[in-house]
Amino acid sequence: MSQAVPRPTSYSRVSLGIIASGTEANLLGNVHGGDIMKLADSTAGAVAYRHSGGPAVTAAMDEMTFLEPVHVGDIIKTYAQVNWAGTSSMEIGVRVEAQPWGNAADAPLHVASAYFVFVAIDEEGRSRQVPPLETETPADVRRQREAEIRRAHRLARKTEIDEGREG
């Protein structure tokens, strides 16, 4: 199979937004982390679809860090892009911000960050090739380097666990 034409990081960036309602809230009036995680996964999925040019599935969530609570009524926005692309998999980074509903003057708060691994699939559900990633900015280069570190740690962890189970 010939190598696909590289796609720049800007090609597949996606931003989604919602207004947090009571259906996402816990008893403290904060939005459940799982609902934020679902929104982040949906945003990452759109990015993976765009970059790969077709269906892609979540293979792993490498990390999700919650930095601030999100409250009912907040406007939640997610920003995502491909950080790294391999043969059939991609790491998608997602930034989650929240802003109070009633005050546009308040700066949005960075409330969470996540890293998802997606695998592009064909019609039979088998992995398929994804285009290489073309970085455009120093920040893109930094994200790609950090994604490579996370990937190396995932692979090393898997190897160590598998070896421990065998012997």
Protein backbone atom coordinates (compact mmCIF):
# COMPACT_ATOMS: atom_id res chain seq x y z
CA MET A 1 0.00 0.00 0.00
CA SER A 2 1.43 3.39 -0.96
CA GLN A 3 2.01 6.03 1.66
CA ALA A 4 -0.79 8.59 1.91
CA VAL A 5 -0.18 12.30 1.52
CA PRO A 6 0.55 13.90 4.92
CA ARG A 7 -2.24 15.98 6.45
CA PRO A 8 -1.41 19.14 8.40
CA THR A 9 -2.51 19.41 12.02
CA SER A 10 -4.96 22.18 11.06
CA TYR A 11 -6.78 19.89 8.61
CA SER A 12 -8.70 17.94 11.22
CA ARG A 13 -8.99 20.26 14.23
CA VAL A 14 -12.46 20.23 15.78
CA SER A 15 -14.22 22.24 18.46
CA LEU A 16 -17.56 21.24 20.01
CA GLY A 17 -19.64 23.02 22.61
CA ILE A 18 -22.63 22.41 24.86
CA ILE A 19 -24.42 24.10 27.73
CA ALA A 20 -24.24 21.89 30.81
CA SER A 21 -27.70 20.96 32.03
CA GLY A 22 -29.04 19.31 35.14
CA THR A 23 -29.02 15.90 33.44
CA GLU A 24 -25.21 15.92 33.54
CA ALA A 25 -24.97 17.02 37.19
CA ASN A 26 -24.09 15.17 40.35
CA LEU A 27 -25.58 16.02 43.75
CA LEU A 28 -23.12 18.89 44.20
CA GLY A 29 -24.26 20.61 41.00
CA ASN A 30 -21.06 19.74 39.18
CA VAL A 31 -21.00 18.03 35.81
CA HIS A 32 -20.06 14.35 36.04
CA GLY A 33 -16.54 13.61 34.86
CA GLY A 34 -17.97 10.83 32.70
CA ASP A 35 -20.10 13.33 30.78
CA ILE A 36 -17.04 15.51 30.18
CA MET A 37 -15.14 12.39 29.13
CA LYS A 38 -17.91 11.47 26.66
CA LEU A 39 -17.84 14.95 25.10
CA ALA A 40 -14.04 14.77 24.83
CA ASP A 41 -14.27 11.30 23.21
CA SER A 42 -16.87 12.55 20.72
CA THR A 43 -14.67 15.50 19.78
CA ALA A 44 -11.63 13.23 19.42
CA GLY A 45 -13.69 10.86 17.26
CA ALA A 46 -14.58 13.66 14.86
CA VAL A 47 -10.89 14.59 14.59
CA ALA A 48 -9.88 10.96 13.99
CA TYR A 49 -12.54 10.57 11.29
CA ARG A 50 -11.38 13.74 9.54
CA HIS A 51 -7.67 12.93 9.70
CA SER A 52 -8.07 9.31 8.62
CA GLY A 53 -10.74 10.01 6.01
CA GLY A 54 -13.20 7.50 7.42
CA PRO A 55 -14.32 5.51 10.46
CA ALA A 56 -12.07 5.29 13.49
CA VAL A 57 -12.68 3.79 16.91
CA THR A 58 -11.42 4.62 20.38
CA ALA A 59 -8.67 2.14 21.24
CA ALA A 60 -7.47 3.72 24.49
CA MET A 61 -7.80 6.73 26.68
CA ASP A 62 -4.26 7.33 27.75
CA GLU A 63 -4.95 10.04 30.29
CA MET A 64 -7.62 12.46 31.45
CA THR A 65 -6.89 15.13 33.99
CA PHE A 66 -9.63 17.19 35.63
CA LEU A 67 -8.37 20.60 36.72
CA GLU A 68 -11.50 22.53 37.78
CA PRO A 69 -15.16 21.66 38.42
CA VAL A 70 -17.75 22.36 35.73
CA HIS A 71 -21.14 23.62 36.91
CA VAL A 72 -24.66 23.34 35.57
CA GLY A 73 -25.20 26.24 33.19
CA ASP A 74 -21.55 26.53 32.16
CA ILE A 75 -20.75 26.60 28.46
CA ILE A 76 -18.39 23.68 27.86
CA LYS A 77 -16.13 23.76 24.81
CA THR A 78 -13.74 21.11 23.61
CA TYR A 79 -10.80 21.65 21.28
CA ALA A 80 -9.05 18.68 19.70
CA GLN A 81 -6.38 17.83 17.17
CA VAL A 82 -4.17 14.96 16.07
CA ASN A 83 -0.94 14.98 18.08
CA TRP A 84 0.65 11.94 16.46
CA ALA A 85 -0.16 9.53 13.64
CA GLY A 86 1.27 6.05 13.13
CA THR A 87 0.41 3.37 10.59
CA SER A 88 -3.23 2.90 11.60
CA SER A 89 -3.49 4.69 14.93
CA MET A 90 -3.56 8.31 16.01
CA GLU A 91 -3.28 10.15 19.31
CA ILE A 92 -5.85 12.91 19.66
CA GLY A 93 -5.36 15.59 22.31
CA VAL A 94 -8.44 17.28 23.75
CA ARG A 95 -8.61 20.48 25.80
CA VAL A 96 -11.83 21.18 27.69
CA GLU A 97 -12.79 24.71 28.77
CA ALA A 98 -15.80 26.05 30.67
CA GLN A 99 -17.26 29.52 30.90
CA PRO A 100 -20.14 30.72 33.07
CA TRP A 101 -23.36 31.06 31.08
CA GLY A 102 -24.22 34.59 32.08
CA ASN A 103 -20.90 36.40 31.86
CA ALA A 104 -19.09 36.57 28.51
CA ALA A 105 -16.46 38.82 30.11
CA ASP A 106 -15.16 35.93 32.24
CA ALA A 107 -12.26 34.16 30.59
CA PRO A 108 -12.92 30.47 29.95
CA LEU A 109 -11.28 28.12 32.45
CA HIS A 110 -9.15 25.18 31.33
CA VAL A 111 -11.04 22.43 33.17
CA ALA A 112 -9.68 19.18 31.71
CA SER A 113 -7.23 17.63 29.24
CA ALA A 114 -7.31 14.18 27.68
CA TYR A 115 -5.36 11.98 25.27
CA PHE A 116 -7.20 9.36 23.22
CA VAL A 117 -5.79 6.71 20.89
CA PHE A 118 -7.95 5.96 17.86
CA VAL A 119 -7.53 3.26 15.24
CA ALA A 120 -8.86 3.76 11.72
CA ILE A 121 -10.98 0.85 10.52
CA ASP A 122 -12.28 -0.39 7.17
CA GLU A 123 -15.73 -1.78 6.30
CA GLU A 124 -14.86 -5.15 7.90
CA GLY A 125 -13.64 -3.54 11.12
CA ARG A 126 -9.97 -4.18 10.39
CA SER A 127 -7.34 -1.52 10.89
CA ARG A 128 -6.43 0.59 7.88
CA GLN A 129 -3.66 3.04 7.06
CA VAL A 130 -3.90 6.67 8.15
CA PRO A 131 -2.13 9.63 6.55
CA PRO A 132 1.07 10.85 8.21
CA LEU A 133 0.82 14.00 10.30
CA GLU A 134 2.46 17.21 9.11
CA THR A 135 3.23 19.53 12.02
CA GLU A 136 2.79 23.25 11.38
CA THR A 137 3.88 25.07 14.53
CA PRO A 138 6.39 24.65 17.37
CA ALA A 139 3.42 23.71 19.60
CA ASP A 140 2.50 20.93 17.14
CA VAL A 141 6.08 19.64 17.25
CA ARG A 142 5.95 19.66 21.07
CA ARG A 143 2.60 17.81 21.08
CA GLN A 144 3.97 15.20 18.68
CA ARG A 145 7.08 14.64 20.82
CA GLU A 146 4.98 14.29 23.98
CA ALA A 147 2.61 11.88 22.19
CA GLU A 148 5.61 9.73 21.21
CA ILE A 149 6.64 9.61 24.88
CA ARG A 150 3.12 8.54 25.94
CA ARG A 151 3.11 5.87 23.21
CA ALA A 152 6.50 4.52 24.34
CA HIS A 153 5.21 4.34 27.93
CA ARG A 154 2.00 2.54 26.82
CA LEU A 155 4.01 -0.03 24.87
CA ALA A 156 6.56 -0.54 27.67
CA ARG A 157 3.77 -0.96 30.24
CA LYS A 158 2.01 -3.53 28.04
CA THR A 159 5.25 -5.45 27.49
CA GLU A 160 6.06 -5.51 31.20
CA ILE A 161 2.53 -6.66 32.12
CA ASP A 162 2.53 -9.36 29.43
CA GLU A 163 5.96 -10.63 30.55
CA GLY A 164 4.79 -10.72 34.18
CA ARG A 165 1.76 -12.80 33.24
CA GLU A 166 3.86 -15.30 31.30
CA GLY A 167 6.35 -16.08 33.97
